[in-house]
Amino acid sequence: MPMPNVGEKAPDFTLPVTLQEKVSLKDFAGKKNVVLAFYPLDFTGG
């Protein structure tokens, strides 16, 4: 899947929250604002 360009809508995706629970981008449909932040260096020395 290609990376979306700035200003484009993000594709729907699902991620685990806990071992039993998942959250999807579509769960936030109709909300005024959703902020997505990705940072690959979480819990690293980088």
Protein backbone atom coordinates (compact mmCIF):
# COMPACT_ATOMS: atom_id res chain seq x y z
CA MET A 1 0.00 0.00 0.00
CA PRO A 2 1.54 3.36 -0.97
CA MET A 3 2.02 6.12 1.58
CA PRO A 4 -0.75 8.75 1.52
CA ASN A 5 0.26 12.26 0.56
CA VAL A 6 -0.09 15.19 2.92
CA GLY A 7 -3.75 16.22 3.08
CA GLU A 8 -5.10 12.88 1.83
CA LYS A 9 -7.41 10.75 3.94
CA ALA A 10 -5.67 7.91 5.75
CA PRO A 11 -6.63 4.38 4.73
CA ASP A 12 -8.57 2.37 7.31
CA PHE A 13 -6.42 0.19 9.55
CA THR A 14 -6.78 -1.82 12.76
CA LEU A 15 -4.25 -2.04 15.59
CA PRO A 16 -4.18 -3.96 18.89
CA VAL A 17 -4.84 -1.96 22.06
CA THR A 18 -4.64 -4.92 24.44
CA LEU A 19 -4.44 -8.67 23.90
CA GLN A 20 -8.25 -8.79 23.69
CA GLU A 21 -9.09 -5.41 22.18
CA LYS A 22 -8.43 -3.74 18.83
CA VAL A 23 -9.16 -0.26 17.52
CA SER A 24 -9.81 0.76 13.91
CA LEU A 25 -9.63 4.15 12.28
CA LYS A 26 -13.24 3.62 11.20
CA ASP A 27 -14.20 3.60 14.93
CA PHE A 28 -13.64 7.36 14.84
CA ALA A 29 -15.79 8.07 11.76
CA GLY A 30 -17.91 11.16 12.26
CA LYS A 31 -15.65 12.65 14.92
CA LYS A 32 -14.55 16.20 14.30
CA ASN A 33 -10.78 15.62 14.46
CA VAL A 34 -8.50 12.60 14.64
CA VAL A 35 -4.74 13.00 15.04
CA LEU A 36 -2.47 10.15 13.95
CA ALA A 37 1.10 10.15 15.21
CA PHE A 38 3.69 7.53 14.32
CA TYR A 39 7.13 7.42 15.90
CA PRO A 40 9.33 4.39 15.21
CA LEU A 41 11.86 5.13 17.95
CA ASP A 42 9.53 4.61 20.94
CA PHE A 43 11.38 3.13 23.94
CA THR A 44 14.77 3.31 22.21
CA GLY A 45 17.86 5.37 22.76
CA GLY A 46 17.41 7.06 19.37
